PDB file of N, CA and C in Angstrom:
ATOM      1  N   GLY A   1     -14.707  16.979  31.486  1.00  0.00           N
ATOM      2  CA  GLY A   1     -14.225  18.108  32.224  1.00  0.00           C
ATOM      3  C   GLY A   1     -13.071  17.748  33.144  1.00  0.00           C
ATOM      4  N   ALA A   2     -13.130  16.556  33.737  1.00  0.00           N
ATOM      5  CA  ALA A   2     -12.061  16.148  34.657  1.00  0.00           C
ATOM      6  C   ALA A   2     -10.737  15.996  33.920  1.00  0.00           C
ATOM      7  N   ILE A   3     -10.794  15.435  32.719  1.00  0.00           N
ATOM      8  CA  ILE A   3      -9.576  15.255  31.916  1.00  0.00           C
ATOM      9  C   ILE A   3      -8.990  16.621  31.562  1.00  0.00           C
ATOM     10  N   THR A   4      -9.839  17.533  31.105  1.00  0.00           N
ATOM     11  CA  THR A   4      -9.383  18.870  30.736  1.00  0.00           C
ATOM     12  C   THR A   4      -8.739  19.562  31.931  1.00  0.00           C
ATOM     13  N   GLY A   5      -9.347  19.453  33.081  1.00  0.00           N
ATOM     14  CA  GLY A   5      -8.809  20.069  34.291  1.00  0.00           C
ATOM     15  C   GLY A   5      -7.472  19.467  34.693  1.00  0.00           C
ATOM     16  N   ALA A   6      -7.382  18.137  34.619  1.00  0.00           N
ATOM     17  CA  ALA A   6      -6.141  17.456  34.992  1.00  0.00           C
ATOM     18  C   ALA A   6      -5.001  17.844  34.052  1.00  0.00           C
ATOM     19  N   LEU A   7      -5.303  17.906  32.756  1.00  0.00           N
ATOM     20  CA  LEU A   7      -4.272  18.281  31.791  1.00  0.00           C
ATOM     21  C   LEU A   7      -3.910  19.755  31.924  1.00  0.00           C
ATOM     22  N   GLY A   8      -4.905  20.590  32.189  1.00  0.00           N
ATOM     23  CA  GLY A   8      -4.647  22.012  32.383  1.00  0.00           C
ATOM     24  C   GLY A   8      -3.722  22.267  33.561  1.00  0.00           C
ATOM     25  N   ALA A   9      -3.828  21.427  34.584  1.00  0.00           N
ATOM     26  CA  ALA A   9      -3.005  21.590  35.776  1.00  0.00           C
ATOM     27  C   ALA A   9      -1.529  21.320  35.513  1.00  0.00           C
ATOM     28  N   VAL A  10      -1.220  20.496  34.500  1.00  0.00           N
ATOM     29  CA  VAL A  10       0.180  20.150  34.217  1.00  0.00           C
ATOM     30  C   VAL A  10       0.686  20.759  32.908  1.00  0.00           C
ATOM     31  N   LEU A  11      -0.201  21.438  32.176  1.00  0.00           N
ATOM     32  CA  LEU A  11       0.170  21.976  30.869  1.00  0.00           C
ATOM     33  C   LEU A  11       1.252  23.046  30.968  1.00  0.00           C
ATOM     34  N   GLY A  12       1.245  23.830  32.030  1.00  0.00           N
ATOM     35  CA  GLY A  12       2.275  24.849  32.208  1.00  0.00           C
ATOM     36  C   GLY A  12       3.667  24.236  32.233  1.00  0.00           C
ATOM     37  N   GLY A  13       3.785  23.089  32.879  1.00  0.00           N
ATOM     38  CA  GLY A  13       5.069  22.393  32.925  1.00  0.00           C
ATOM     39  C   GLY A  13       5.501  21.925  31.549  1.00  0.00           C
ATOM     40  N   ALA A  14       4.545  21.455  30.758  1.00  0.00           N
ATOM     41  CA  ALA A  14       4.860  21.009  29.395  1.00  0.00           C
ATOM     42  C   ALA A  14       5.240  22.197  28.510  1.00  0.00           C
ATOM     43  N   ARG A  15       4.551  23.303  28.675  1.00  0.00           N
ATOM     44  CA  ARG A  15       4.853  24.502  27.878  1.00  0.00           C
ATOM     45  C   ARG A  15       6.244  25.039  28.200  1.00  0.00           C
ATOM     46  N   ALA A  16       6.666  24.875  29.439  1.00  0.00           N
ATOM     47  CA  ALA A  16       7.993  25.345  29.840  1.00  0.00           C
ATOM     48  C   ALA A  16       9.110  24.561  29.154  1.00  0.00           C
ATOM     49  N   CYS A  17       8.764  23.415  28.567  1.00  0.00           N
ATOM     50  CA  CYS A  17       9.758  22.575  27.890  1.00  0.00           C
ATOM     51  C   CYS A  17      10.137  23.105  26.516  1.00  0.00           C
ATOM     52  N   VAL A  18       9.309  23.961  25.944  1.00  0.00           N
ATOM     53  CA  VAL A  18       9.554  24.457  24.588  1.00  0.00           C
ATOM     54  C   VAL A  18       9.809  25.962  24.621  1.00  0.00           C
ATOM     55  N   GLY A  19      10.580  26.411  23.654  1.00  0.00           N
ATOM     56  CA  GLY A  19      10.906  27.825  23.579  1.00  0.00           C
ATOM     57  C   GLY A  19       9.926  28.579  22.697  1.00  0.00           C
ATOM     58  N   PRO A  20       9.981  29.911  22.732  1.00  0.00           N
ATOM     59  CA  PRO A  20       9.039  30.730  21.965  1.00  0.00           C
ATOM     60  C   PRO A  20       9.156  30.550  20.454  1.00  0.00           C
ATOM     61  N   ASP A  21      10.322  30.133  19.977  1.00  0.00           N
ATOM     62  CA  ASP A  21      10.510  29.958  18.540  1.00  0.00           C
ATOM     63  C   ASP A  21      10.375  28.510  18.090  1.00  0.00           C
ATOM     64  N   ASP A  22      10.109  27.597  19.026  1.00  0.00           N
ATOM     65  CA  ASP A  22       9.965  26.178  18.675  1.00  0.00           C
ATOM     66  C   ASP A  22       8.631  25.943  17.974  1.00  0.00           C
ATOM     67  N   PRO A  23       8.616  25.017  17.005  1.00  0.00           N
ATOM     68  CA  PRO A  23       7.336  24.690  16.361  1.00  0.00           C
ATOM     69  C   PRO A  23       6.382  24.010  17.349  1.00  0.00           C
ATOM     70  N   ILE A  24       5.113  24.050  17.033  1.00  0.00           N
ATOM     71  CA  ILE A  24       4.083  23.437  17.879  1.00  0.00           C
ATOM     72  C   ILE A  24       4.306  21.933  17.959  1.00  0.00           C
ATOM     73  N   SER A  25       4.104  21.385  19.141  1.00  0.00           N
ATOM     74  CA  SER A  25       4.135  19.940  19.340  1.00  0.00           C
ATOM     75  C   SER A  25       2.755  19.507  19.808  1.00  0.00           C
ATOM     76  N   ARG A  26       2.465  18.252  19.570  1.00  0.00           N
ATOM     77  CA  ARG A  26       1.203  17.676  20.030  1.00  0.00           C
ATOM     78  C   ARG A  26       1.504  16.418  20.827  1.00  0.00           C
ATOM     79  N   ALA A  27       0.646  16.138  21.776  1.00  0.00           N
ATOM     80  CA  ALA A  27       0.808  14.935  22.583  1.00  0.00           C
ATOM     81  C   ALA A  27      -0.533  14.240  22.710  1.00  0.00           C
ATOM     82  N   THR A  28      -0.479  12.935  22.848  1.00  0.00           N
ATOM     83  CA  THR A  28      -1.661  12.151  23.182  1.00  0.00           C
ATOM     84  C   THR A  28      -1.396  11.527  24.541  1.00  0.00           C
ATOM     85  N   VAL A  29      -2.252  11.849  25.497  1.00  0.00           N
ATOM     86  CA  VAL A  29      -2.102  11.366  26.865  1.00  0.00           C
ATOM     87  C   VAL A  29      -3.155  10.291  27.103  1.00  0.00           C
ATOM     88  N   THR A  30      -2.714   9.111  27.509  1.00  0.00           N
ATOM     89  CA  THR A  30      -3.632   8.007  27.767  1.00  0.00           C
ATOM     90  C   THR A  30      -3.722   7.750  29.264  1.00  0.00           C
ATOM     91  N   PHE A  31      -4.949   7.771  29.762  1.00  0.00           N
ATOM     92  CA  PHE A  31      -5.240   7.512  31.170  1.00  0.00           C
ATOM     93  C   PHE A  31      -5.773   6.101  31.337  1.00  0.00           C
ATOM     94  N   ALA A  32      -5.364   5.412  32.404  1.00  0.00           N
ATOM     95  CA  ALA A  32      -5.932   4.124  32.782  1.00  0.00           C
ATOM     96  C   ALA A  32      -7.209   4.378  33.582  1.00  0.00           C
ATOM     97  N   SER A  33      -8.008   3.342  33.753  1.00  0.00           N
ATOM     98  CA  SER A  33      -9.270   3.499  34.491  1.00  0.00           C
ATOM     99  C   SER A  33      -9.043   3.912  35.944  1.00  0.00           C
ATOM    100  N   ALA A  34      -7.851   3.671  36.474  1.00  0.00           N
ATOM    101  CA  ALA A  34      -7.542   4.085  37.845  1.00  0.00           C
ATOM    102  C   ALA A  34      -7.314   5.589  37.947  1.00  0.00           C
ATOM    103  N   GLY A  35      -7.169   6.270  36.795  1.00  0.00           N
ATOM    104  CA  GLY A  35      -7.011   7.711  36.787  1.00  0.00           C
ATOM    105  C   GLY A  35      -5.592   8.193  36.552  1.00  0.00           C
ATOM    106  N   ASN A  36      -4.643   7.267  36.492  1.00  0.00           N
ATOM    107  CA  ASN A  36      -3.254   7.644  36.262  1.00  0.00           C
ATOM    108  C   ASN A  36      -2.926   7.627  34.765  1.00  0.00           C
ATOM    109  N   VAL A  37      -1.873   8.348  34.393  1.00  0.00           N
ATOM    110  CA  VAL A  37      -1.419   8.367  33.001  1.00  0.00           C
ATOM    111  C   VAL A  37      -0.589   7.115  32.745  1.00  0.00           C
ATOM    112  N   THR A  38      -0.919   6.397  31.672  1.00  0.00           N
ATOM    113  CA  THR A  38      -0.158   5.203  31.315  1.00  0.00           C
ATOM    114  C   THR A  38       0.811   5.451  30.178  1.00  0.00           C
ATOM    115  N   SER A  39       0.516   6.438  29.324  1.00  0.00           N
ATOM    116  CA  SER A  39       1.457   6.748  28.250  1.00  0.00           C
ATOM    117  C   SER A  39       1.245   8.158  27.735  1.00  0.00           C
ATOM    118  N   VAL A  40       2.326   8.714  27.204  1.00  0.00           N
ATOM    119  CA  VAL A  40       2.290  10.017  26.550  1.00  0.00           C
ATOM    120  C   VAL A  40       3.089   9.877  25.264  1.00  0.00           C
ATOM    121  N   SER A  41       2.454  10.123  24.128  1.00  0.00           N
ATOM    122  CA  SER A  41       3.187  10.116  22.861  1.00  0.00           C
ATOM    123  C   SER A  41       3.237  11.545  22.340  1.00  0.00           C
ATOM    124  N   VAL A  42       4.400  11.924  21.840  1.00  0.00           N
ATOM    125  CA  VAL A  42       4.626  13.293  21.388  1.00  0.00           C
ATOM    126  C   VAL A  42       4.909  13.293  19.896  1.00  0.00           C
ATOM    127  N   SER A  43       4.348  14.269  19.195  1.00  0.00           N
ATOM    128  CA  SER A  43       4.643  14.469  17.775  1.00  0.00           C
ATOM    129  C   SER A  43       4.910  15.949  17.552  1.00  0.00           C
ATOM    130  N   GLY A  44       5.506  16.261  16.427  1.00  0.00           N
ATOM    131  CA  GLY A  44       5.772  17.661  16.112  1.00  0.00           C
ATOM    132  C   GLY A  44       7.198  18.058  16.428  1.00  0.00           C
ATOM    133  N   GLY A  45       7.389  19.338  16.701  1.00  0.00           N
ATOM    134  CA  GLY A  45       8.709  19.927  16.831  1.00  0.00           C
ATOM    135  C   GLY A  45       9.594  19.376  17.929  1.00  0.00           C
ATOM    136  N   ALA A  46       9.024  18.833  18.995  1.00  0.00           N
ATOM    137  CA  ALA A  46       9.832  18.382  20.132  1.00  0.00           C
ATOM    138  C   ALA A  46      10.424  16.987  19.946  1.00  0.00           C
ATOM    139  N   VAL A  47       9.940  16.237  18.972  1.00  0.00           N
ATOM    140  CA  VAL A  47      10.370  14.850  18.800  1.00  0.00           C
ATOM    141  C   VAL A  47      11.876  14.776  18.566  1.00  0.00           C
ATOM    142  N   GLY A  48      12.528  13.887  19.313  1.00  0.00           N
ATOM    143  CA  GLY A  48      13.955  13.673  19.160  1.00  0.00           C
ATOM    144  C   GLY A  48      14.822  14.711  19.855  1.00  0.00           C
ATOM    145  N   LYS A  49      14.194  15.609  20.586  1.00  0.00           N
ATOM    146  CA  LYS A  49      14.923  16.667  21.294  1.00  0.00           C
ATOM    147  C   LYS A  49      14.692  16.499  22.793  1.00  0.00           C
ATOM    148  N   PRO A  50      15.504  17.160  23.612  1.00  0.00           N
ATOM    149  CA  PRO A  50      15.289  17.074  25.068  1.00  0.00           C
ATOM    150  C   PRO A  50      13.869  17.479  25.477  1.00  0.00           C
ATOM    151  N   ALA A  51      13.249  18.368  24.709  1.00  0.00           N
ATOM    152  CA  ALA A  51      11.889  18.811  25.031  1.00  0.00           C
ATOM    153  C   ALA A  51      10.899  17.654  25.035  1.00  0.00           C
ATOM    154  N   GLU A  52      11.135  16.627  24.213  1.00  0.00           N
ATOM    155  CA  GLU A  52      10.204  15.493  24.163  1.00  0.00           C
ATOM    156  C   GLU A  52      10.109  14.805  25.521  1.00  0.00           C
ATOM    157  N   GLY A  53      11.239  14.493  26.128  1.00  0.00           N
ATOM    158  CA  GLY A  53      11.244  13.857  27.444  1.00  0.00           C
ATOM    159  C   GLY A  53      10.667  14.763  28.513  1.00  0.00           C
ATOM    160  N   CYS A  54      10.943  16.035  28.392  1.00  0.00           N
ATOM    161  CA  CYS A  54      10.426  17.021  29.343  1.00  0.00           C
ATOM    162  C   CYS A  54       8.893  17.073  29.280  1.00  0.00           C
ATOM    163  N   ILE A  55       8.356  17.093  28.065  1.00  0.00           N
ATOM    164  CA  ILE A  55       6.897  17.122  27.867  1.00  0.00           C
ATOM    165  C   ILE A  55       6.267  15.857  28.428  1.00  0.00           C
ATOM    166  N   LYS A  56       6.866  14.709  28.116  1.00  0.00           N
ATOM    167  CA  LYS A  56       6.328  13.437  28.624  1.00  0.00           C
ATOM    168  C   LYS A  56       6.310  13.419  30.149  1.00  0.00           C
ATOM    169  N   ALA A  57       7.396  13.881  30.764  1.00  0.00           N
ATOM    170  CA  ALA A  57       7.476  13.899  32.227  1.00  0.00           C
ATOM    171  C   ALA A  57       6.413  14.816  32.824  1.00  0.00           C
ATOM    172  N   ALA A  58       6.229  15.991  32.220  1.00  0.00           N
ATOM    173  CA  ALA A  58       5.253  16.954  32.748  1.00  0.00           C
ATOM    174  C   ALA A  58       3.824  16.415  32.634  1.00  0.00           C
ATOM    175  N   LEU A  59       3.473  15.900  31.453  1.00  0.00           N
ATOM    176  CA  LEU A  59       2.099  15.437  31.244  1.00  0.00           C
ATOM    177  C   LEU A  59       1.795  14.144  31.997  1.00  0.00           C
ATOM    178  N   SER A  60       2.829  13.366  32.299  1.00  0.00           N
ATOM    179  CA  SER A  60       2.627  12.111  33.043  1.00  0.00           C
ATOM    180  C   SER A  60       2.160  12.344  34.467  1.00  0.00           C
ATOM    181  N   LYS A  61       2.300  13.563  34.968  1.00  0.00           N
ATOM    182  CA  LYS A  61       1.886  13.885  36.338  1.00  0.00           C
ATOM    183  C   LYS A  61       0.388  14.110  36.469  1.00  0.00           C
ATOM    184  N   ALA A  62      -0.333  14.167  35.340  1.00  0.00           N
ATOM    185  CA  ALA A  62      -1.784  14.392  35.397  1.00  0.00           C
ATOM    186  C   ALA A  62      -2.473  13.220  36.100  1.00  0.00           C
ATOM    187  N   LYS A  63      -3.540  13.498  36.809  1.00  0.00           N
ATOM    188  CA  LYS A  63      -4.288  12.466  37.529  1.00  0.00           C
ATOM    189  C   LYS A  63      -5.758  12.852  37.562  1.00  0.00           C
ATOM    190  N   VAL A  64      -6.617  11.877  37.310  1.00  0.00           N
ATOM    191  CA  VAL A  64      -8.067  12.086  37.408  1.00  0.00           C
ATOM    192  C   VAL A  64      -8.654  11.028  38.330  1.00  0.00           C
ATOM    193  N   ALA A  65      -9.903  11.207  38.704  1.00  0.00           N
ATOM    194  CA  ALA A  65     -10.597  10.212  39.517  1.00  0.00           C
ATOM    195  C   ALA A  65     -10.807   8.946  38.674  1.00  0.00           C
ATOM    196  N   PRO A  66     -10.854   7.784  39.312  1.00  0.00           N
ATOM    197  CA  PRO A  66     -11.096   6.545  38.557  1.00  0.00           C
ATOM    198  C   PRO A  66     -12.384   6.635  37.737  1.00  0.00           C
ATOM    199  N   PHE A  67     -12.399   5.938  36.602  1.00  0.00           N
ATOM    200  CA  PHE A  67     -13.562   5.950  35.711  1.00  0.00           C
ATOM    201  C   PHE A  67     -13.818   4.549  35.169  1.00  0.00           C
ATOM    202  N   ALA A  68     -14.961   4.351  34.528  1.00  0.00           N
ATOM    203  CA  ALA A  68     -15.407   3.007  34.141  1.00  0.00           C
ATOM    204  C   ALA A  68     -14.702   2.435  32.906  1.00  0.00           C
ATOM    205  N   GLU A  69     -14.377   3.278  31.931  1.00  0.00           N
ATOM    206  CA  GLU A  69     -13.756   2.769  30.714  1.00  0.00           C
ATOM    207  C   GLU A  69     -12.370   2.197  31.023  1.00  0.00           C
ATOM    208  N   ALA A  70     -11.880   1.292  30.157  1.00  0.00           N
ATOM    209  CA  ALA A  70     -10.560   0.690  30.364  1.00  0.00           C
ATOM    210  C   ALA A  70      -9.463   1.743  30.262  1.00  0.00           C
ATOM    211  N   SER A  71      -9.621   2.670  29.318  1.00  0.00           N
ATOM    212  CA  SER A  71      -8.649   3.748  29.164  1.00  0.00           C
ATOM    213  C   SER A  71      -9.298   4.892  28.396  1.00  0.00           C
ATOM    214  N   TYR A  72      -8.658   6.039  28.431  1.00  0.00           N
ATOM    215  CA  TYR A  72      -9.143   7.193  27.693  1.00  0.00           C
ATOM    216  C   TYR A  72      -7.931   7.992  27.232  1.00  0.00           C
ATOM    217  N   SER A  73      -7.922   8.356  25.963  1.00  0.00           N
ATOM    218  CA  SER A  73      -6.823   9.150  25.415  1.00  0.00           C
ATOM    219  C   SER A  73      -7.323  10.548  25.076  1.00  0.00           C
ATOM    220  N   ALA A  74      -6.488  11.539  25.355  1.00  0.00           N
ATOM    221  CA  ALA A  74      -6.843  12.929  25.093  1.00  0.00           C
ATOM    222  C   ALA A  74      -5.689  13.623  24.372  1.00  0.00           C
ATOM    223  N   PRO A  75      -6.022  14.445  23.358  1.00  0.00           N
ATOM    224  CA  PRO A  75      -4.975  15.188  22.662  1.00  0.00           C
ATOM    225  C   PRO A  75      -4.629  16.487  23.397  1.00  0.00           C
ATOM    226  N   VAL A  76      -3.374  16.881  23.291  1.00  0.00           N
ATOM    227  CA  VAL A  76      -2.905  18.115  23.910  1.00  0.00           C
ATOM    228  C   VAL A  76      -2.001  18.833  22.910  1.00  0.00           C
ATOM    229  N   THR A  77      -2.174  20.135  22.752  1.00  0.00           N
ATOM    230  CA  THR A  77      -1.288  20.935  21.913  1.00  0.00           C
ATOM    231  C   THR A  77      -0.346  21.695  22.819  1.00  0.00           C
ATOM    232  N   ILE A  78       0.959  21.616  22.511  1.00  0.00           N
ATOM    233  CA  ILE A  78       1.952  22.288  23.344  1.00  0.00           C
ATOM    234  C   ILE A  78       2.657  23.369  22.524  1.00  0.00           C
ATOM    235  N   ARG A  79       2.464  24.587  22.971  1.00  0.00           N
ATOM    236  CA  ARG A  79       3.186  25.719  22.378  1.00  0.00           C
ATOM    237  C   ARG A  79       3.611  26.623  23.516  1.00  0.00           C
ATOM    238  N   HIS A  80       4.677  27.377  23.306  1.00  0.00           N
ATOM    239  CA  HIS A  80       5.213  28.224  24.371  1.00  0.00           C
ATOM    240  C   HIS A  80       4.191  29.250  24.801  1.00  0.00           C
TER     241      HIS A  80
END
C-alpha cells in the first residue's frame, strides 16, 4: 500500500509528460531499502523522446518509509 500511495502521489506529474494522443508508456520504479527511488526505466511510446526524461524525473520524486528488503521494484502505466 505504501508503494502504491507513493507512486500515486507523483503519477500526475508523469502523466503530464505525455499527450492525449501518445501511446501508453510503462515504467519500472525501483526503491532502495531507505525508501528512495534508485532507478526508473521507461518502455513504450515515450522512449527516446523528451517525455522519457520527464517521466523519469517525475517518478524519481516518490518516497516511502524505509523497509527491510534490499530493494523493491514496482510497475507503473503512464497514459494521459
